[in-house]
């Protein structure tokens, strides 16, 4: 039996599915945000919500196209959705910006994707999940941002520091300096350019305090042997 559009349990089931998708996606994203990864809390929540939303098109197709429920017509609505979402994928990729080792714009790309999914449901007349998804999207973008700014996270940053070739700070001293500023090193790379004459450390550093980056920058500014440095926080 196809679902009855007047059945309140159907709408409750839709609400539970979308709410569960938002919650589970956000839970996975929390772990990613804590680790300082570019695709974090809101991005995962929106992606999970949008995919769940699109699956409702097939599960409840009898509600938005009664002829299917009566057996007079056979539809494959997923073909159109696939084409739309493929095109939206290219649009979303256009707002993702890679600045050095930092990636930004992932949440905007996810919001474009969920907006496309909502548009599909509006287009087929499946208004209840579309409106509910719209409300949940605002929860993810605004409400989750409030949570994200207040939850404890590890601060990650790409750190590059350059010295004259003959005046490079020894690695143990560099590690000690970072430890004094509240940082630990996640990974460390080295670069030597004999033609230009510089030695460079490149690393990912982490701290429990985002404010530590400013303190580190002030300390490095006072060191005349440093030719150049950069501290670039990760995140979306």
C-alpha atoms as a PDB file:
ATOM      1  CA  UNK A   1       0.000   0.000   0.000  1.00  0.00           C
ATOM      2  CA  UNK A   2       1.362   3.450  -0.876  1.00  0.00           C
ATOM      3  CA  UNK A   3       1.520   5.984   1.967  1.00  0.00           C
ATOM      4  CA  UNK A   4      -1.647   7.981   2.563  1.00  0.00           C
ATOM      5  CA  UNK A   5      -0.907  11.714   2.149  1.00  0.00           C
ATOM      6  CA  UNK A   6      -3.377  12.502   4.929  1.00  0.00           C
ATOM      7  CA  UNK A   7      -1.711  10.132   7.397  1.00  0.00           C
ATOM      8  CA  UNK A   8       0.042  12.102  10.148  1.00  0.00           C
ATOM      9  CA  UNK A   9       2.388   9.175  10.751  1.00  0.00           C
ATOM     10  CA  UNK A  10       3.810   9.663   7.258  1.00  0.00           C
ATOM     11  CA  UNK A  11       4.767  13.246   8.033  1.00  0.00           C
ATOM     12  CA  UNK A  12       6.163  12.189  11.383  1.00  0.00           C
ATOM     13  CA  UNK A  13       8.295   9.566   9.628  1.00  0.00           C
ATOM     14  CA  UNK A  14       9.573  12.189   7.177  1.00  0.00           C
ATOM     15  CA  UNK A  15      10.402  14.579  10.002  1.00  0.00           C
ATOM     16  CA  UNK A  16      12.202  11.847  11.937  1.00  0.00           C
ATOM     17  CA  UNK A  17      14.257  10.832   8.907  1.00  0.00           C
ATOM     18  CA  UNK A  18      15.336  14.355   8.083  1.00  0.00           C
ATOM     19  CA  UNK A  19      16.020  15.163  11.722  1.00  0.00           C
ATOM     20  CA  UNK A  20      18.065  11.981  12.106  1.00  0.00           C
ATOM     21  CA  UNK A  21      20.047  12.807   8.967  1.00  0.00           C
ATOM     22  CA  UNK A  22      20.824  16.283  10.274  1.00  0.00           C
ATOM     23  CA  UNK A  23      21.825  14.955  13.693  1.00  0.00           C
ATOM     24  CA  UNK A  24      23.955  12.067  12.447  1.00  0.00           C
ATOM     25  CA  UNK A  25      25.703  14.190   9.829  1.00  0.00           C
ATOM     26  CA  UNK A  26      26.401  16.844  12.445  1.00  0.00           C
ATOM     27  CA  UNK A  27      27.740  14.238  14.868  1.00  0.00           C
ATOM     28  CA  UNK A  28      30.220  12.977  12.292  1.00  0.00           C
ATOM     29  CA  UNK A  29      31.143  16.561  11.448  1.00  0.00           C
ATOM     30  CA  UNK A  30      31.831  17.340  15.109  1.00  0.00           C
ATOM     31  CA  UNK A  31      34.672  14.860  15.117  1.00  0.00           C
ATOM     32  CA  UNK A  32      36.080  16.384  11.921  1.00  0.00           C
ATOM     33  CA  UNK A  33      35.797  19.925  13.340  1.00  0.00           C
ATOM     34  CA  UNK A  34      37.575  18.836  16.515  1.00  0.00           C
ATOM     35  CA  UNK A  35      40.429  17.527  14.389  1.00  0.00           C
ATOM     36  CA  UNK A  36      40.615  20.819  12.505  1.00  0.00           C
ATOM     37  CA  UNK A  37      39.633  19.353   9.128  1.00  0.00           C
ATOM     38  CA  UNK A  38      38.241  21.599   6.341  1.00  0.00           C
ATOM     39  CA  UNK A  39      34.952  19.690   5.969  1.00  0.00           C
ATOM     40  CA  UNK A  40      33.510  19.887   9.458  1.00  0.00           C
ATOM     41  CA  UNK A  41      30.335  20.190  11.507  1.00  0.00           C
ATOM     42  CA  UNK A  42      27.972  22.121   9.234  1.00  0.00           C
ATOM     43  CA  UNK A  43      29.319  20.654   5.997  1.00  0.00           C
ATOM     44  CA  UNK A  44      28.659  17.052   7.049  1.00  0.00           C
ATOM     45  CA  UNK A  45      25.242  17.962   8.452  1.00  0.00           C
ATOM     46  CA  UNK A  46      24.131  19.592   5.191  1.00  0.00           C
ATOM     47  CA  UNK A  47      25.450  16.788   2.974  1.00  0.00           C
ATOM     48  CA  UNK A  48      23.701  14.108   5.055  1.00  0.00           C
ATOM     49  CA  UNK A  49      20.473  16.124   5.123  1.00  0.00           C
ATOM     50  CA  UNK A  50      20.459  16.707   1.352  1.00  0.00           C
ATOM     51  CA  UNK A  51      21.045  13.064   0.449  1.00  0.00           C
ATOM     52  CA  UNK A  52      18.305  11.954   2.836  1.00  0.00           C
ATOM     53  CA  UNK A  53      16.009  14.542   1.315  1.00  0.00           C
ATOM     54  CA  UNK A  54      16.569  13.253  -2.212  1.00  0.00           C
ATOM     55  CA  UNK A  55      15.885   9.663  -1.179  1.00  0.00           C
ATOM     56  CA  UNK A  56      12.426  10.725   0.030  1.00  0.00           C
ATOM     57  CA  UNK A  57      11.553  11.491  -3.604  1.00  0.00           C
ATOM     58  CA  UNK A  58      11.627   7.773  -4.370  1.00  0.00           C
ATOM     59  CA  UNK A  59      10.304   6.448  -1.068  1.00  0.00           C
ATOM     60  CA  UNK A  60       7.191   8.645  -1.142  1.00  0.00           C
ATOM     61  CA  UNK A  61       6.694   9.108  -4.859  1.00  0.00           C
ATOM     62  CA  UNK A  62       3.064   8.011  -4.496  1.00  0.00           C
ATOM     63  CA  UNK A  63       2.380  11.147  -2.456  1.00  0.00           C
ATOM     64  CA  UNK A  64       3.576  13.649  -5.051  1.00  0.00           C
ATOM     65  CA  UNK A  65       2.411  11.711  -8.161  1.00  0.00           C
ATOM     66  CA  UNK A  66      -0.840   9.827  -7.398  1.00  0.00           C
ATOM     67  CA  UNK A  67      -0.869   8.045 -10.762  1.00  0.00           C
ATOM     68  CA  UNK A  68       2.182   6.073  -9.642  1.00  0.00           C
ATOM     69  CA  UNK A  69       0.351   4.834  -6.560  1.00  0.00           C
ATOM     70  CA  UNK A  70      -2.578   3.749  -8.747  1.00  0.00           C
ATOM     71  CA  UNK A  71      -0.262   1.731 -10.960  1.00  0.00           C
ATOM     72  CA  UNK A  72      -1.112   3.641 -14.152  1.00  0.00           C
ATOM     73  CA  UNK A  73       2.323   5.204 -14.608  1.00  0.00           C
ATOM     74  CA  UNK A  74       5.859   4.086 -13.833  1.00  0.00           C
ATOM     75  CA  UNK A  75       8.429   6.750 -13.069  1.00  0.00           C
ATOM     76  CA  UNK A  76      12.133   6.844 -12.360  1.00  0.00           C
ATOM     77  CA  UNK A  77      12.527  10.258 -10.695  1.00  0.00           C
ATOM     78  CA  UNK A  78      16.075   9.540  -9.626  1.00  0.00           C
ATOM     79  CA  UNK A  79      17.348  10.014 -13.200  1.00  0.00           C
ATOM     80  CA  UNK A  80      16.385  13.675 -13.221  1.00  0.00           C
ATOM     81  CA  UNK A  81      17.731  14.173  -9.703  1.00  0.00           C
ATOM     82  CA  UNK A  82      21.033  12.591 -10.702  1.00  0.00           C
ATOM     83  CA  UNK A  83      21.419  14.943 -13.621  1.00  0.00           C
ATOM     84  CA  UNK A  84      20.601  17.993 -11.547  1.00  0.00           C
ATOM     85  CA  UNK A  85      22.944  17.092  -8.715  1.00  0.00           C
ATOM     86  CA  UNK A  86      25.775  16.339 -11.122  1.00  0.00           C
ATOM     87  CA  UNK A  87      25.477  19.840 -12.547  1.00  0.00           C
ATOM     88  CA  UNK A  88      25.216  21.370  -9.091  1.00  0.00           C
ATOM     89  CA  UNK A  89      28.419  19.551  -8.181  1.00  0.00           C
ATOM     90  CA  UNK A  90      30.327  21.642 -10.702  1.00  0.00           C
ATOM     91  CA  UNK A  91      28.755  24.817  -9.323  1.00  0.00           C
ATOM     92  CA  UNK A  92      29.671  23.838  -5.786  1.00  0.00           C
ATOM     93  CA  UNK A  93      33.254  23.133  -6.826  1.00  0.00           C
ATOM     94  CA  UNK A  94      33.498  26.695  -8.094  1.00  0.00           C
ATOM     95  CA  UNK A  95      33.021  28.196  -4.620  1.00  0.00           C
ATOM     96  CA  UNK A  96      35.682  26.021  -2.988  1.00  0.00           C
ATOM     97  CA  UNK A  97      38.899  28.015  -2.692  1.00  0.00           C
ATOM     98  CA  UNK A  98      42.322  26.560  -1.949  1.00  0.00           C
ATOM     99  CA  UNK A  99      44.591  29.172  -0.420  1.00  0.00           C
ATOM    100  CA  UNK A 100      47.959  27.489  -0.090  1.00  0.00           C
ATOM    101  CA  UNK A 101      47.295  24.489   2.136  1.00  0.00           C
ATOM    102  CA  UNK A 102      44.009  25.900   3.454  1.00  0.00           C
ATOM    103  CA  UNK A 103      40.651  24.967   1.912  1.00  0.00           C
ATOM    104  CA  UNK A 104      37.655  27.292   2.252  1.00  0.00           C
ATOM    105  CA  UNK A 105      34.112  27.335   0.909  1.00  0.00           C
ATOM    106  CA  UNK A 106      33.102  23.738   1.662  1.00  0.00           C
ATOM    107  CA  UNK A 107      30.083  24.761   3.726  1.00  0.00           C
ATOM    108  CA  UNK A 108      28.951  27.119   0.970  1.00  0.00           C
ATOM    109  CA  UNK A 109      29.250  24.271  -1.537  1.00  0.00           C
ATOM    110  CA  UNK A 110      27.191  22.038   0.752  1.00  0.00           C
ATOM    111  CA  UNK A 111      24.552  24.764   1.120  1.00  0.00           C
ATOM    112  CA  UNK A 112      24.315  24.991  -2.683  1.00  0.00           C
ATOM    113  CA  UNK A 113      23.813  21.239  -2.829  1.00  0.00           C
ATOM    114  CA  UNK A 114      21.047  21.206  -0.203  1.00  0.00           C
ATOM    115  CA  UNK A 115      19.376  24.152  -1.925  1.00  0.00           C
ATOM    116  CA  UNK A 116      19.327  22.159  -5.158  1.00  0.00           C
ATOM    117  CA  UNK A 117      17.783  19.204  -3.344  1.00  0.00           C
ATOM    118  CA  UNK A 118      15.088  21.442  -1.866  1.00  0.00           C
ATOM    119  CA  UNK A 119      14.414  22.835  -5.329  1.00  0.00           C
ATOM    120  CA  UNK A 120      13.858  19.328  -6.672  1.00  0.00           C
ATOM    121  CA  UNK A 121      11.249  18.601  -4.013  1.00  0.00           C
ATOM    122  CA  UNK A 122       9.492  21.907  -4.604  1.00  0.00           C
ATOM    123  CA  UNK A 123       9.487  21.186  -8.319  1.00  0.00           C
ATOM    124  CA  UNK A 124       7.675  17.886  -7.843  1.00  0.00           C
ATOM    125  CA  UNK A 125       5.238  19.397  -5.346  1.00  0.00           C
ATOM    126  CA  UNK A 126       6.576  17.572  -2.294  1.00  0.00           C
ATOM    127  CA  UNK A 127       6.244  20.662  -0.125  1.00  0.00           C
ATOM    128  CA  UNK A 128       6.301  19.328   3.426  1.00  0.00           C
ATOM    129  CA  UNK A 129       9.811  17.826   3.358  1.00  0.00           C
ATOM    130  CA  UNK A 130      11.034  20.774   1.286  1.00  0.00           C
ATOM    131  CA  UNK A 131       9.853  23.293   3.893  1.00  0.00           C
ATOM    132  CA  UNK A 132      11.098  21.145   6.743  1.00  0.00           C
ATOM    133  CA  UNK A 133      14.488  20.772   5.063  1.00  0.00           C
ATOM    134  CA  UNK A 134      14.635  24.546   4.594  1.00  0.00           C
ATOM    135  CA  UNK A 135      14.126  25.065   8.317  1.00  0.00           C
ATOM    136  CA  UNK A 136      16.713  22.411   9.159  1.00  0.00           C
ATOM    137  CA  UNK A 137      19.194  23.998   6.759  1.00  0.00           C
ATOM    138  CA  UNK A 138      18.889  27.294   8.622  1.00  0.00           C
ATOM    139  CA  UNK A 139      19.424  25.356  11.845  1.00  0.00           C
ATOM    140  CA  UNK A 140      22.599  23.833  10.393  1.00  0.00           C
ATOM    141  CA  UNK A 141      23.981  27.102   9.021  1.00  0.00           C
ATOM    142  CA  UNK A 142      23.060  29.445  11.883  1.00  0.00           C
ATOM    143  CA  UNK A 143      22.319  27.352  14.961  1.00  0.00           C
ATOM    144  CA  UNK A 144      25.195  24.941  14.413  1.00  0.00           C
ATOM    145  CA  UNK A 145      27.573  27.898  13.923  1.00  0.00           C
ATOM    146  CA  UNK A 146      26.636  29.060  17.437  1.00  0.00           C
ATOM    147  CA  UNK A 147      27.461  25.587  18.761  1.00  0.00           C
ATOM    148  CA  UNK A 148      30.627  25.356  16.677  1.00  0.00           C
ATOM    149  CA  UNK A 149      32.031  28.608  18.062  1.00  0.00           C
ATOM    150  CA  UNK A 150      31.487  27.464  21.653  1.00  0.00           C
ATOM    151  CA  UNK A 151      32.560  23.840  21.565  1.00  0.00           C
ATOM    152  CA  UNK A 152      36.140  22.922  22.517  1.00  0.00           C
ATOM    153  CA  UNK A 153      38.241  22.163  19.458  1.00  0.00           C
ATOM    154  CA  UNK A 154      41.858  21.621  18.633  1.00  0.00           C
ATOM    155  CA  UNK A 155      43.282  24.530  16.659  1.00  0.00           C
ATOM    156  CA  UNK A 156      45.273  23.424  13.601  1.00  0.00           C
ATOM    157  CA  UNK A 157      47.387  25.650  11.383  1.00  0.00           C
ATOM    158  CA  UNK A 158      49.857  25.328   8.530  1.00  0.00           C
ATOM    159  CA  UNK A 159      53.092  26.900   9.750  1.00  0.00           C
ATOM    160  CA  UNK A 160      56.004  27.903   7.512  1.00  0.00           C
ATOM    161  CA  UNK A 161      59.145  29.623   8.762  1.00  0.00           C
ATOM    162  CA  UNK A 162      62.179  30.557   6.644  1.00  0.00           C
ATOM    163  CA  UNK A 163      65.766  31.318   7.685  1.00  0.00           C
ATOM    164  CA  UNK A 164      69.002  32.274   5.984  1.00  0.00           C
ATOM    165  CA  UNK A 165      70.762  29.056   5.049  1.00  0.00           C
ATOM    166  CA  UNK A 166      73.602  29.575   7.498  1.00  0.00           C
ATOM    167  CA  UNK A 167      71.415  30.862  10.342  1.00  0.00           C
ATOM    168  CA  UNK A 168      68.667  28.213  10.485  1.00  0.00           C
ATOM    169  CA  UNK A 169      67.255  27.466  13.923  1.00  0.00           C
ATOM    170  CA  UNK A 170      68.032  23.865  14.954  1.00  0.00           C
ATOM    171  CA  UNK A 171      65.008  21.581  14.996  1.00  0.00           C
ATOM    172  CA  UNK A 172      65.111  20.906  18.768  1.00  0.00           C
ATOM    173  CA  UNK A 173      65.101  24.648  19.404  1.00  0.00           C
ATOM    174  CA  UNK A 174      62.179  25.119  17.004  1.00  0.00           C
ATOM    175  CA  UNK A 175      60.231  22.373  18.762  1.00  0.00           C
ATOM    176  CA  UNK A 176      60.971  23.963  22.132  1.00  0.00           C
ATOM    177  CA  UNK A 177      59.816  27.380  20.889  1.00  0.00           C
ATOM    178  CA  UNK A 178      56.516  25.956  19.657  1.00  0.00           C
ATOM    179  CA  UNK A 179      56.007  24.022  22.889  1.00  0.00           C
ATOM    180  CA  UNK A 180      56.496  27.215  24.900  1.00  0.00           C
ATOM    181  CA  UNK A 181      53.747  28.837  22.811  1.00  0.00           C
ATOM    182  CA  UNK A 182      51.374  25.926  23.492  1.00  0.00           C
ATOM    183  CA  UNK A 183      51.774  24.077  20.164  1.00  0.00           C
ATOM    184  CA  UNK A 184      52.637  20.534  19.226  1.00  0.00           C
ATOM    185  CA  UNK A 185      53.779  19.475  15.767  1.00  0.00           C
ATOM    186  CA  UNK A 186      51.477  17.178  13.771  1.00  0.00           C
ATOM    187  CA  UNK A 187      53.964  16.721  10.918  1.00  0.00           C
ATOM    188  CA  UNK A 188      57.174  18.403   9.808  1.00  0.00           C
ATOM    189  CA  UNK A 189      58.825  18.941   6.430  1.00  0.00           C
ATOM    190  CA  UNK A 190      62.087  20.587   5.437  1.00  0.00           C
ATOM    191  CA  UNK A 191      63.093  22.634   2.407  1.00  0.00           C
ATOM    192  CA  UNK A 192      66.480  23.905   1.326  1.00  0.00           C
ATOM    193  CA  UNK A 193      66.983  26.219  -1.654  1.00  0.00           C
ATOM    194  CA  UNK A 194      70.712  26.479  -2.320  1.00  0.00           C
ATOM    195  CA  UNK A 195      70.287  28.975  -5.179  1.00  0.00           C
ATOM    196  CA  UNK A 196      68.335  31.538  -3.183  1.00  0.00           C
ATOM    197  CA  UNK A 197      70.061  30.623   0.059  1.00  0.00           C
ATOM    198  CA  UNK A 198      67.325  29.802   2.547  1.00  0.00           C
ATOM    199  CA  UNK A 199      66.262  26.913   4.758  1.00  0.00           C
ATOM    200  CA  UNK A 200      62.581  26.398   5.549  1.00  0.00           C
ATOM    201  CA  UNK A 201      60.470  24.408   7.995  1.00  0.00           C
ATOM    202  CA  UNK A 202      56.950  23.508   6.886  1.00  0.00           C
ATOM    203  CA  UNK A 203      54.642  21.879   9.387  1.00  0.00           C
ATOM    204  CA  UNK A 204      51.111  21.441  10.691  1.00  0.00           C
ATOM    205  CA  UNK A 205      50.864  22.603  14.295  1.00  0.00           C
ATOM    206  CA  UNK A 206      48.036  22.189  16.781  1.00  0.00           C
ATOM    207  CA  UNK A 207      46.992  23.796  20.043  1.00  0.00           C
ATOM    208  CA  UNK A 208      44.040  23.827  22.401  1.00  0.00           C
ATOM    209  CA  UNK A 209      43.787  27.633  22.007  1.00  0.00           C
ATOM    210  CA  UNK A 210      43.255  29.527  18.775  1.00  0.00           C
ATOM    211  CA  UNK A 211      44.689  32.649  20.442  1.00  0.00           C
ATOM    212  CA  UNK A 212      48.057  30.913  20.621  1.00  0.00           C
ATOM    213  CA  UNK A 213      48.584  31.681  16.917  1.00  0.00           C
ATOM    214  CA  UNK A 214      48.673  35.412  17.602  1.00  0.00           C
ATOM    215  CA  UNK A 215      51.126  34.965  20.461  1.00  0.00           C
ATOM    216  CA  UNK A 216      53.358  32.809  18.252  1.00  0.00           C
ATOM    217  CA  UNK A 217      53.343  35.453  15.516  1.00  0.00           C
ATOM    218  CA  UNK A 218      54.354  38.169  17.983  1.00  0.00           C
ATOM    219  CA  UNK A 219      57.237  36.035  19.227  1.00  0.00           C
ATOM    220  CA  UNK A 220      58.489  35.281  15.719  1.00  0.00           C
ATOM    221  CA  UNK A 221      58.370  38.979  14.764  1.00  0.00           C
ATOM    222  CA  UNK A 222      60.975  39.682  17.434  1.00  0.00           C
ATOM    223  CA  UNK A 223      63.477  37.173  16.017  1.00  0.00           C
ATOM    224  CA  UNK A 224      65.813  38.869  13.486  1.00  0.00           C
ATOM    225  CA  UNK A 225      67.155  35.599  12.027  1.00  0.00           C
ATOM    226  CA  UNK A 226      63.714  34.768  10.603  1.00  0.00           C
ATOM    227  CA  UNK A 227      63.333  35.977   7.013  1.00  0.00           C
ATOM    228  CA  UNK A 228      59.683  35.048   6.612  1.00  0.00           C
ATOM    229  CA  UNK A 229      56.943  33.102   8.369  1.00  0.00           C
ATOM    230  CA  UNK A 230      53.295  32.231   7.839  1.00  0.00           C
ATOM    231  CA  UNK A 231      50.614  30.830  10.164  1.00  0.00           C
ATOM    232  CA  UNK A 232      47.493  29.792   8.202  1.00  0.00           C
ATOM    233  CA  UNK A 233      44.636  28.231  10.199  1.00  0.00           C
ATOM    234  CA  UNK A 234      42.881  25.270   8.648  1.00  0.00           C
ATOM    235  CA  UNK A 235      39.073  25.074   8.413  1.00  0.00           C
ATOM    236  CA  UNK A 236      36.127  25.870   6.114  1.00  0.00           C
END
